[in-house]
Amino acid sequence: MVARARKPAAKKAVRKPKTLRNAANSGDRRRLLVAMRNLIADKLDEGNVAPRDLSSLIKRLADLSEAIDAIDKAAKTDDPVSRALDVEDAILDDDTQD
């Protein structure tokens, strides 16, 4: 019986970890907001947050998500399809008398 030679395991590409410092140094506001949002979410998921800090962190998480959504929405304003879909629904009167 002939033993098969094993192929060496492929090395994974080494990626620079996403940190707040890297995001801040990038100069990209959205990237910084996403990094802060993810950090807060990770800390909340770990459960090591003092009860007195919980509500303020949740509020900050919601504010960051809203700011990220606003940046994303502003980036899509040049797209005519996005503009067409971003129209308020019209209120129709139910007074249809014949």
PDB file of N, CA and C in Angstrom:
ATOM      1  N   MET A   1       0.841  -1.168   0.000  1.00  0.00           N
ATOM      2  CA  MET A   1       0.000   0.000   0.000  1.00  0.00           C
ATOM      3  C   MET A   1       0.891   1.237   0.000  1.00  0.00           C
ATOM      4  N   VAL A   2       0.550   2.189  -0.849  1.00  0.00           N
ATOM      5  CA  VAL A   2       1.341   3.404  -0.986  1.00  0.00           C
ATOM      6  C   VAL A   2       0.669   4.520  -0.199  1.00  0.00           C
ATOM      7  N   ALA A   3       1.427   5.169   0.650  1.00  0.00           N
ATOM      8  CA  ALA A   3       0.883   6.279   1.437  1.00  0.00           C
ATOM      9  C   ALA A   3       0.834   7.529   0.567  1.00  0.00           C
ATOM     10  N   ARG A   4      -0.260   8.235   0.670  1.00  0.00           N
ATOM     11  CA  ARG A   4      -0.392   9.496  -0.077  1.00  0.00           C
ATOM     12  C   ARG A   4       0.334  10.612   0.652  1.00  0.00           C
ATOM     13  N   ALA A   5       0.982  11.418  -0.126  1.00  0.00           N
ATOM     14  CA  ALA A   5       1.668  12.575   0.455  1.00  0.00           C
ATOM     15  C   ALA A   5       0.636  13.665   0.713  1.00  0.00           C
ATOM     16  N   ARG A   6       0.701  14.236   1.875  1.00  0.00           N
ATOM     17  CA  ARG A   6      -0.239  15.315   2.218  1.00  0.00           C
ATOM     18  C   ARG A   6       0.252  16.632   1.655  1.00  0.00           C
ATOM     19  N   LYS A   7      -0.691  17.375   1.153  1.00  0.00           N
ATOM     20  CA  LYS A   7      -0.354  18.717   0.664  1.00  0.00           C
ATOM     21  C   LYS A   7      -0.254  19.647   1.863  1.00  0.00           C
ATOM     22  N   PRO A   8       0.673  20.583   1.809  1.00  0.00           N
ATOM     23  CA  PRO A   8       0.755  21.531   2.925  1.00  0.00           C
ATOM     24  C   PRO A   8      -0.512  22.386   2.961  1.00  0.00           C
ATOM     25  N   ALA A   9      -0.952  22.667   4.166  1.00  0.00           N
ATOM     26  CA  ALA A   9      -2.161  23.471   4.335  1.00  0.00           C
ATOM     27  C   ALA A   9      -1.932  24.867   3.771  1.00  0.00           C
ATOM     28  N   ALA A  10      -2.953  25.352   3.069  1.00  0.00           N
ATOM     29  CA  ALA A  10      -2.855  26.700   2.497  1.00  0.00           C
ATOM     30  C   ALA A  10      -2.847  27.719   3.627  1.00  0.00           C
ATOM     31  N   LYS A  11      -1.968  28.679   3.510  1.00  0.00           N
ATOM     32  CA  LYS A  11      -1.889  29.720   4.527  1.00  0.00           C
ATOM     33  C   LYS A  11      -2.972  30.752   4.265  1.00  0.00           C
ATOM     34  N   LYS A  12      -3.606  31.166   5.341  1.00  0.00           N
ATOM     35  CA  LYS A  12      -4.632  32.203   5.230  1.00  0.00           C
ATOM     36  C   LYS A  12      -3.951  33.549   5.096  1.00  0.00           C
ATOM     37  N   ALA A  13      -4.581  34.404   4.327  1.00  0.00           N
ATOM     38  CA  ALA A  13      -4.039  35.748   4.168  1.00  0.00           C
ATOM     39  C   ALA A  13      -4.131  36.478   5.501  1.00  0.00           C
ATOM     40  N   VAL A  14      -3.079  37.124   5.875  1.00  0.00           N
ATOM     41  CA  VAL A  14      -3.063  37.873   7.120  1.00  0.00           C
ATOM     42  C   VAL A  14      -3.706  39.230   6.855  1.00  0.00           C
ATOM     43  N   ARG A  15      -4.776  39.485   7.567  1.00  0.00           N
ATOM     44  CA  ARG A  15      -5.482  40.754   7.401  1.00  0.00           C
ATOM     45  C   ARG A  15      -5.254  41.617   8.621  1.00  0.00           C
ATOM     46  N   LYS A  16      -5.164  42.881   8.381  1.00  0.00           N
ATOM     47  CA  LYS A  16      -4.997  43.822   9.466  1.00  0.00           C
ATOM     48  C   LYS A  16      -6.308  43.882  10.256  1.00  0.00           C
ATOM     49  N   PRO A  17      -6.251  43.725  11.569  1.00  0.00           N
ATOM     50  CA  PRO A  17      -7.496  43.748  12.330  1.00  0.00           C
ATOM     51  C   PRO A  17      -8.174  45.109  12.239  1.00  0.00           C
ATOM     52  N   LYS A  18      -9.488  45.067  12.220  1.00  0.00           N
ATOM     53  CA  LYS A  18     -10.254  46.304  12.155  1.00  0.00           C
ATOM     54  C   LYS A  18     -10.364  46.867  13.561  1.00  0.00           C
ATOM     55  N   THR A  19      -9.705  47.963  13.778  1.00  0.00           N
ATOM     56  CA  THR A  19      -9.726  48.588  15.088  1.00  0.00           C
ATOM     57  C   THR A  19     -10.231  50.008  14.955  1.00  0.00           C
ATOM     58  N   LEU A  20     -10.585  50.587  16.079  1.00  0.00           N
ATOM     59  CA  LEU A  20     -11.015  51.984  16.069  1.00  0.00           C
ATOM     60  C   LEU A  20      -9.894  52.892  15.580  1.00  0.00           C
ATOM     61  N   ARG A  21      -8.676  52.587  15.984  1.00  0.00           N
ATOM     62  CA  ARG A  21      -7.544  53.411  15.560  1.00  0.00           C
ATOM     63  C   ARG A  21      -7.391  53.375  14.040  1.00  0.00           C
ATOM     64  N   ASN A  22      -7.466  52.181  13.454  1.00  0.00           N
ATOM     65  CA  ASN A  22      -7.363  52.068  12.000  1.00  0.00           C
ATOM     66  C   ASN A  22      -8.493  52.822  11.308  1.00  0.00           C
ATOM     67  N   ALA A  23      -9.691  52.697  11.849  1.00  0.00           N
ATOM     68  CA  ALA A  23     -10.837  53.387  11.254  1.00  0.00           C
ATOM     69  C   ALA A  23     -10.681  54.900  11.370  1.00  0.00           C
ATOM     70  N   ALA A  24     -10.204  55.363  12.520  1.00  0.00           N
ATOM     71  CA  ALA A  24     -10.009  56.805  12.708  1.00  0.00           C
ATOM     72  C   ALA A  24      -8.910  57.330  11.789  1.00  0.00           C
ATOM     73  N   ASN A  25      -7.850  56.558  11.634  1.00  0.00           N
ATOM     74  CA  ASN A  25      -6.755  56.989  10.768  1.00  0.00           C
ATOM     75  C   ASN A  25      -7.125  56.965   9.291  1.00  0.00           C
ATOM     76  N   SER A  26      -8.139  56.209   8.941  1.00  0.00           N
ATOM     77  CA  SER A  26      -8.530  56.116   7.533  1.00  0.00           C
ATOM     78  C   SER A  26      -9.147  57.415   7.024  1.00  0.00           C
ATOM     79  N   GLY A  27      -9.699  58.207   7.938  1.00  0.00           N
ATOM     80  CA  GLY A  27     -10.349  59.450   7.529  1.00  0.00           C
ATOM     81  C   GLY A  27     -11.739  59.234   6.965  1.00  0.00           C
ATOM     82  N   ASP A  28     -12.208  58.006   6.979  1.00  0.00           N
ATOM     83  CA  ASP A  28     -13.530  57.667   6.457  1.00  0.00           C
ATOM     84  C   ASP A  28     -14.523  57.672   7.615  1.00  0.00           C
ATOM     85  N   ARG A  29     -15.426  58.647   7.617  1.00  0.00           N
ATOM     86  CA  ARG A  29     -16.377  58.810   8.724  1.00  0.00           C
ATOM     87  C   ARG A  29     -17.258  57.572   8.881  1.00  0.00           C
ATOM     88  N   ARG A  30     -17.742  57.031   7.771  1.00  0.00           N
ATOM     89  CA  ARG A  30     -18.618  55.868   7.840  1.00  0.00           C
ATOM     90  C   ARG A  30     -17.877  54.677   8.458  1.00  0.00           C
ATOM     91  N   ARG A  31     -16.634  54.497   8.050  1.00  0.00           N
ATOM     92  CA  ARG A  31     -15.839  53.383   8.587  1.00  0.00           C
ATOM     93  C   ARG A  31     -15.655  53.531  10.091  1.00  0.00           C
ATOM     94  N   LEU A  32     -15.426  54.749  10.556  1.00  0.00           N
ATOM     95  CA  LEU A  32     -15.267  54.991  11.987  1.00  0.00           C
ATOM     96  C   LEU A  32     -16.566  54.703  12.725  1.00  0.00           C
ATOM     97  N   LEU A  33     -17.686  55.168  12.184  1.00  0.00           N
ATOM     98  CA  LEU A  33     -18.976  54.924  12.825  1.00  0.00           C
ATOM     99  C   LEU A  33     -19.283  53.428  12.903  1.00  0.00           C
ATOM    100  N   VAL A  34     -18.978  52.710  11.838  1.00  0.00           N
ATOM    101  CA  VAL A  34     -19.207  51.256  11.824  1.00  0.00           C
ATOM    102  C   VAL A  34     -18.331  50.567  12.865  1.00  0.00           C
ATOM    103  N   ALA A  35     -17.080  50.990  12.979  1.00  0.00           N
ATOM    104  CA  ALA A  35     -16.176  50.398  13.972  1.00  0.00           C
ATOM    105  C   ALA A  35     -16.676  50.659  15.393  1.00  0.00           C
ATOM    106  N   MET A  36     -17.159  51.867  15.656  1.00  0.00           N
ATOM    107  CA  MET A  36     -17.694  52.182  16.979  1.00  0.00           C
ATOM    108  C   MET A  36     -18.957  51.380  17.255  1.00  0.00           C
ATOM    109  N   ARG A  37     -19.830  51.286  16.252  1.00  0.00           N
ATOM    110  CA  ARG A  37     -21.065  50.509  16.405  1.00  0.00           C
ATOM    111  C   ARG A  37     -20.742  49.053  16.723  1.00  0.00           C
ATOM    112  N   ASN A  38     -19.792  48.484  15.987  1.00  0.00           N
ATOM    113  CA  ASN A  38     -19.436  47.082  16.199  1.00  0.00           C
ATOM    114  C   ASN A  38     -18.798  46.854  17.574  1.00  0.00           C
ATOM    115  N   LEU A  39     -17.983  47.791  18.017  1.00  0.00           N
ATOM    116  CA  LEU A  39     -17.362  47.666  19.335  1.00  0.00           C
ATOM    117  C   LEU A  39     -18.415  47.675  20.434  1.00  0.00           C
ATOM    118  N   ILE A  40     -19.358  48.600  20.340  1.00  0.00           N
ATOM    119  CA  ILE A  40     -20.417  48.670  21.345  1.00  0.00           C
ATOM    120  C   ILE A  40     -21.262  47.401  21.308  1.00  0.00           C
ATOM    121  N   ALA A  41     -21.599  46.942  20.111  1.00  0.00           N
ATOM    122  CA  ALA A  41     -22.398  45.723  19.991  1.00  0.00           C
ATOM    123  C   ALA A  41     -21.658  44.524  20.584  1.00  0.00           C
ATOM    124  N   ASP A  42     -20.363  44.431  20.336  1.00  0.00           N
ATOM    125  CA  ASP A  42     -19.570  43.331  20.896  1.00  0.00           C
ATOM    126  C   ASP A  42     -19.564  43.373  22.420  1.00  0.00           C
ATOM    127  N   LYS A  43     -19.379  44.562  22.980  1.00  0.00           N
ATOM    128  CA  LYS A  43     -19.358  44.705  24.444  1.00  0.00           C
ATOM    129  C   LYS A  43     -20.710  44.350  25.044  1.00  0.00           C
ATOM    130  N   LEU A  44     -21.797  44.751  24.374  1.00  0.00           N
ATOM    131  CA  LEU A  44     -23.131  44.402  24.865  1.00  0.00           C
ATOM    132  C   LEU A  44     -23.366  42.901  24.787  1.00  0.00           C
ATOM    133  N   ASP A  45     -22.882  42.270  23.707  1.00  0.00           N
ATOM    134  CA  ASP A  45     -23.041  40.826  23.549  1.00  0.00           C
ATOM    135  C   ASP A  45     -22.257  40.043  24.604  1.00  0.00           C
ATOM    136  N   GLU A  46     -21.104  40.562  24.993  1.00  0.00           N
ATOM    137  CA  GLU A  46     -20.293  39.895  26.009  1.00  0.00           C
ATOM    138  C   GLU A  46     -20.993  39.887  27.358  1.00  0.00           C
ATOM    139  N   GLY A  47     -21.822  40.888  27.601  1.00  0.00           N
ATOM    140  CA  GLY A  47     -22.555  40.955  28.864  1.00  0.00           C
ATOM    141  C   GLY A  47     -21.762  41.513  30.012  1.00  0.00           C
ATOM    142  N   ASN A  48     -20.617  42.116  29.738  1.00  0.00           N
ATOM    143  CA  ASN A  48     -19.781  42.677  30.795  1.00  0.00           C
ATOM    144  C   ASN A  48     -19.991  44.178  30.964  1.00  0.00           C
ATOM    145  N   VAL A  49     -21.195  44.628  30.686  1.00  0.00           N
ATOM    146  CA  VAL A  49     -21.497  46.052  30.774  1.00  0.00           C
ATOM    147  C   VAL A  49     -22.209  46.316  32.101  1.00  0.00           C
ATOM    148  N   ALA A  50     -21.762  47.343  32.784  1.00  0.00           N
ATOM    149  CA  ALA A  50     -22.405  47.705  34.049  1.00  0.00           C
ATOM    150  C   ALA A  50     -23.849  48.133  33.771  1.00  0.00           C
ATOM    151  N   PRO A  51     -24.770  47.745  34.638  1.00  0.00           N
ATOM    152  CA  PRO A  51     -26.175  48.100  34.419  1.00  0.00           C
ATOM    153  C   PRO A  51     -26.407  49.598  34.230  1.00  0.00           C
ATOM    154  N   ARG A  52     -25.615  50.417  34.900  1.00  0.00           N
ATOM    155  CA  ARG A  52     -25.801  51.867  34.772  1.00  0.00           C
ATOM    156  C   ARG A  52     -25.422  52.370  33.376  1.00  0.00           C
ATOM    157  N   ASP A  53     -24.581  51.609  32.650  1.00  0.00           N
ATOM    158  CA  ASP A  53     -24.132  52.014  31.322  1.00  0.00           C
ATOM    159  C   ASP A  53     -24.964  51.415  30.194  1.00  0.00           C
ATOM    160  N   LEU A  54     -25.793  50.461  30.508  1.00  0.00           N
ATOM    161  CA  LEU A  54     -26.514  49.713  29.490  1.00  0.00           C
ATOM    162  C   LEU A  54     -27.406  50.592  28.623  1.00  0.00           C
ATOM    163  N   SER A  55     -28.236  51.409  29.231  1.00  0.00           N
ATOM    164  CA  SER A  55     -29.174  52.206  28.431  1.00  0.00           C
ATOM    165  C   SER A  55     -28.452  53.239  27.570  1.00  0.00           C
ATOM    166  N   SER A  56     -27.394  53.850  28.084  1.00  0.00           N
ATOM    167  CA  SER A  56     -26.685  54.849  27.277  1.00  0.00           C
ATOM    168  C   SER A  56     -25.957  54.196  26.103  1.00  0.00           C
ATOM    169  N   LEU A  57     -25.431  52.980  26.304  1.00  0.00           N
ATOM    170  CA  LEU A  57     -24.765  52.285  25.203  1.00  0.00           C
ATOM    171  C   LEU A  57     -25.765  51.843  24.138  1.00  0.00           C
ATOM    172  N   ILE A  58     -26.936  51.400  24.567  1.00  0.00           N
ATOM    173  CA  ILE A  58     -27.966  51.018  23.596  1.00  0.00           C
ATOM    174  C   ILE A  58     -28.419  52.234  22.806  1.00  0.00           C
ATOM    175  N   LYS A  59     -28.577  53.364  23.478  1.00  0.00           N
ATOM    176  CA  LYS A  59     -28.962  54.610  22.792  1.00  0.00           C
ATOM    177  C   LYS A  59     -27.871  55.008  21.796  1.00  0.00           C
ATOM    178  N   ARG A  60     -26.636  54.923  22.203  1.00  0.00           N
ATOM    179  CA  ARG A  60     -25.517  55.274  21.318  1.00  0.00           C
ATOM    180  C   ARG A  60     -25.452  54.336  20.128  1.00  0.00           C
ATOM    181  N   LEU A  61     -25.728  53.059  20.352  1.00  0.00           N
ATOM    182  CA  LEU A  61     -25.753  52.076  19.276  1.00  0.00           C
ATOM    183  C   LEU A  61     -26.823  52.439  18.245  1.00  0.00           C
ATOM    184  N   ALA A  62     -27.997  52.824  18.725  1.00  0.00           N
ATOM    185  CA  ALA A  62     -29.074  53.225  17.825  1.00  0.00           C
ATOM    186  C   ALA A  62     -28.710  54.495  17.058  1.00  0.00           C
ATOM    187  N   ASP A  63     -28.087  55.459  17.734  1.00  0.00           N
ATOM    188  CA  ASP A  63     -27.669  56.709  17.083  1.00  0.00           C
ATOM    189  C   ASP A  63     -26.622  56.442  15.998  1.00  0.00           C
ATOM    190  N   LEU A  64     -25.675  55.561  16.286  1.00  0.00           N
ATOM    191  CA  LEU A  64     -24.650  55.237  15.299  1.00  0.00           C
ATOM    192  C   LEU A  64     -25.266  54.552  14.077  1.00  0.00           C
ATOM    193  N   SER A  65     -26.190  53.642  14.317  1.00  0.00           N
ATOM    194  CA  SER A  65     -26.851  52.959  13.202  1.00  0.00           C
ATOM    195  C   SER A  65     -27.624  53.948  12.341  1.00  0.00           C
ATOM    196  N   GLU A  66     -28.271  54.904  12.973  1.00  0.00           N
ATOM    197  CA  GLU A  66     -29.007  55.933  12.238  1.00  0.00           C
ATOM    198  C   GLU A  66     -28.059  56.801  11.410  1.00  0.00           C
ATOM    199  N   ALA A  67     -26.921  57.164  11.979  1.00  0.00           N
ATOM    200  CA  ALA A  67     -25.944  57.982  11.246  1.00  0.00           C
ATOM    201  C   ALA A  67     -25.368  57.211  10.058  1.00  0.00           C
ATOM    202  N   ILE A  68     -25.115  55.920  10.235  1.00  0.00           N
ATOM    203  CA  ILE A  68     -24.602  55.094   9.135  1.00  0.00           C
ATOM    204  C   ILE A  68     -25.649  55.000   8.029  1.00  0.00           C
ATOM    205  N   ASP A  69     -26.914  54.799   8.422  1.00  0.00           N
ATOM    206  CA  ASP A  69     -27.987  54.738   7.428  1.00  0.00           C
ATOM    207  C   ASP A  69     -28.106  56.044   6.655  1.00  0.00           C
ATOM    208  N   ALA A  70     -27.936  57.174   7.346  1.00  0.00           N
ATOM    209  CA  ALA A  70     -28.010  58.473   6.681  1.00  0.00           C
ATOM    210  C   ALA A  70     -26.882  58.633   5.665  1.00  0.00           C
ATOM    211  N   ILE A  71     -25.694  58.190   6.018  1.00  0.00           N
ATOM    212  CA  ILE A  71     -24.563  58.261   5.080  1.00  0.00           C
ATOM    213  C   ILE A  71     -24.828  57.372   3.878  1.00  0.00           C
ATOM    214  N   ASP A  72     -25.328  56.162   4.119  1.00  0.00           N
ATOM    215  CA  ASP A  72     -25.632  55.248   3.020  1.00  0.00           C
ATOM    216  C   ASP A  72     -26.724  55.809   2.118  1.00  0.00           C
ATOM    217  N   LYS A  73     -27.733  56.408   2.726  1.00  0.00           N
ATOM    218  CA  LYS A  73     -28.838  56.980   1.962  1.00  0.00           C
ATOM    219  C   LYS A  73     -28.354  58.165   1.120  1.00  0.00           C
ATOM    220  N   ALA A  74     -27.490  58.978   1.682  1.00  0.00           N
ATOM    221  CA  ALA A  74     -26.952  60.123   0.948  1.00  0.00           C
ATOM    222  C   ALA A  74     -26.096  59.666  -0.225  1.00  0.00           C
ATOM    223  N   ALA A  75     -25.424  58.545  -0.061  1.00  0.00           N
ATOM    224  CA  ALA A  75     -24.587  58.029  -1.144  1.00  0.00           C
ATOM    225  C   ALA A  75     -25.420  57.512  -2.304  1.00  0.00           C
ATOM    226  N   LYS A  76     -26.654  57.153  -2.029  1.00  0.00           N
ATOM    227  CA  LYS A  76     -27.519  56.596  -3.063  1.00  0.00           C
ATOM    228  C   LYS A  76     -28.400  57.643  -3.745  1.00  0.00           C
ATOM    229  N   THR A  77     -28.251  58.916  -3.414  1.00  0.00           N
ATOM    230  CA  THR A  77     -29.138  59.932  -3.973  1.00  0.00           C
ATOM    231  C   THR A  77     -28.945  60.129  -5.465  1.00  0.00           C
ATOM    232  N   ASP A  78     -27.831  59.727  -6.005  1.00  0.00           N
ATOM    233  CA  ASP A  78     -27.598  59.873  -7.436  1.00  0.00           C
ATOM    234  C   ASP A  78     -28.282  58.783  -8.245  1.00  0.00           C
ATOM    235  N   ASP A  79     -28.772  57.768  -7.571  1.00  0.00           N
ATOM    236  CA  ASP A  79     -29.418  56.650  -8.231  1.00  0.00           C
ATOM    237  C   ASP A  79     -30.906  56.963  -8.412  1.00  0.00           C
ATOM    238  N   PRO A  80     -31.405  57.068  -9.652  1.00  0.00           N
ATOM    239  CA  PRO A  80     -32.810  57.420  -9.863  1.00  0.00           C
ATOM    240  C   PRO A  80     -33.780  56.375  -9.302  1.00  0.00           C
ATOM    241  N   VAL A  81     -33.381  55.122  -9.275  1.00  0.00           N
ATOM    242  CA  VAL A  81     -34.258  54.080  -8.732  1.00  0.00           C
ATOM    243  C   VAL A  81     -34.413  54.277  -7.224  1.00  0.00           C
ATOM    244  N   SER A  82     -33.312  54.570  -6.539  1.00  0.00           N
ATOM    245  CA  SER A  82     -33.378  54.804  -5.100  1.00  0.00           C
ATOM    246  C   SER A  82     -34.226  56.025  -4.782  1.00  0.00           C
ATOM    247  N   ARG A  83     -34.094  57.062  -5.588  1.00  0.00           N
ATOM    248  CA  ARG A  83     -34.916  58.262  -5.365  1.00  0.00           C
ATOM    249  C   ARG A  83     -36.382  57.949  -5.561  1.00  0.00           C
ATOM    250  N   ALA A  84     -36.716  57.144  -6.569  1.00  0.00           N
ATOM    251  CA  ALA A  84     -38.112  56.803  -6.836  1.00  0.00           C
ATOM    252  C   ALA A  84     -38.698  55.961  -5.709  1.00  0.00           C
ATOM    253  N   LEU A  85     -37.897  55.085  -5.136  1.00  0.00           N
ATOM    254  CA  LEU A  85     -38.389  54.231  -4.062  1.00  0.00           C
ATOM    255  C   LEU A  85     -38.465  54.954  -2.727  1.00  0.00           C
ATOM    256  N   ASP A  86     -37.826  56.095  -2.609  1.00  0.00           N
ATOM    257  CA  ASP A  86     -37.789  56.840  -1.358  1.00  0.00           C
ATOM    258  C   ASP A  86     -38.870  57.915  -1.321  1.00  0.00           C
ATOM    259  N   VAL A  87     -40.048  57.573  -1.762  1.00  0.00           N
ATOM    260  CA  VAL A  87     -41.164  58.515  -1.803  1.00  0.00           C
ATOM    261  C   VAL A  87     -42.151  58.115  -0.717  1.00  0.00           C
ATOM    262  N   GLU A  88     -42.647  59.115  -0.001  1.00  0.00           N
ATOM    263  CA  GLU A  88     -43.635  58.839   1.040  1.00  0.00           C
ATOM    264  C   GLU A  88     -44.895  58.266   0.412  1.00  0.00           C
ATOM    265  N   ASP A  89     -45.530  57.364   1.123  1.00  0.00           N
ATOM    266  CA  ASP A  89     -46.795  56.818   0.654  1.00  0.00           C
ATOM    267  C   ASP A  89     -47.876  57.881   0.729  1.00  0.00           C
ATOM    268  N   ALA A  90     -48.714  57.920  -0.274  1.00  0.00           N
ATOM    269  CA  ALA A  90     -49.803  58.887  -0.294  1.00  0.00           C
ATOM    270  C   ALA A  90     -50.976  58.340   0.515  1.00  0.00           C
ATOM    271  N   ILE A  91     -51.661  59.223   1.223  1.00  0.00           N
ATOM    272  CA  ILE A  91     -52.844  58.833   1.989  1.00  0.00           C
ATOM    273  C   ILE A  91     -54.042  58.987   1.062  1.00  0.00           C
ATOM    274  N   LEU A  92     -54.729  57.909   0.883  1.00  0.00           N
ATOM    275  CA  LEU A  92     -55.896  57.921   0.010  1.00  0.00           C
ATOM    276  C   LEU A  92     -57.150  58.084   0.845  1.00  0.00           C
ATOM    277  N   ASP A  93     -58.059  58.927   0.355  1.00  0.00           N
ATOM    278  CA  ASP A  93     -59.335  59.093   1.038  1.00  0.00           C
ATOM    279  C   ASP A  93     -60.201  57.880   0.799  1.00  0.00           C
ATOM    280  N   ASP A  94     -60.899  57.467   1.819  1.00  0.00           N
ATOM    281  CA  ASP A  94     -61.787  56.312   1.688  1.00  0.00           C
ATOM    282  C   ASP A  94     -63.214  56.771   1.381  1.00  0.00           C
ATOM    283  N   ASP A  95     -63.376  58.042   1.085  1.00  0.00           N
ATOM    284  CA  ASP A  95     -64.690  58.598   0.785  1.00  0.00           C
ATOM    285  C   ASP A  95     -64.983  58.469  -0.698  1.00  0.00           C
ATOM    286  N   THR A  96     -65.251  57.294  -1.148  1.00  0.00           N
ATOM    287  CA  THR A  96     -65.551  57.074  -2.550  1.00  0.00           C
ATOM    288  C   THR A  96     -67.055  56.948  -2.709  1.00  0.00           C
ATOM    289  N   GLN A  97     -67.692  58.078  -2.875  1.00  0.00           N
ATOM    290  CA  GLN A  97     -69.136  58.093  -3.025  1.00  0.00           C
ATOM    291  C   GLN A  97     -69.480  58.213  -4.490  1.00  0.00           C
ATOM    292  N   ASP A  98     -70.432  57.408  -4.936  1.00  0.00           N
ATOM    293  CA  ASP A  98     -70.846  57.446  -6.352  1.00  0.00           C
ATOM    294  C   ASP A  98     -72.008  58.345  -6.553  1.00  0.00           C
TER     295      ASP A  98
END
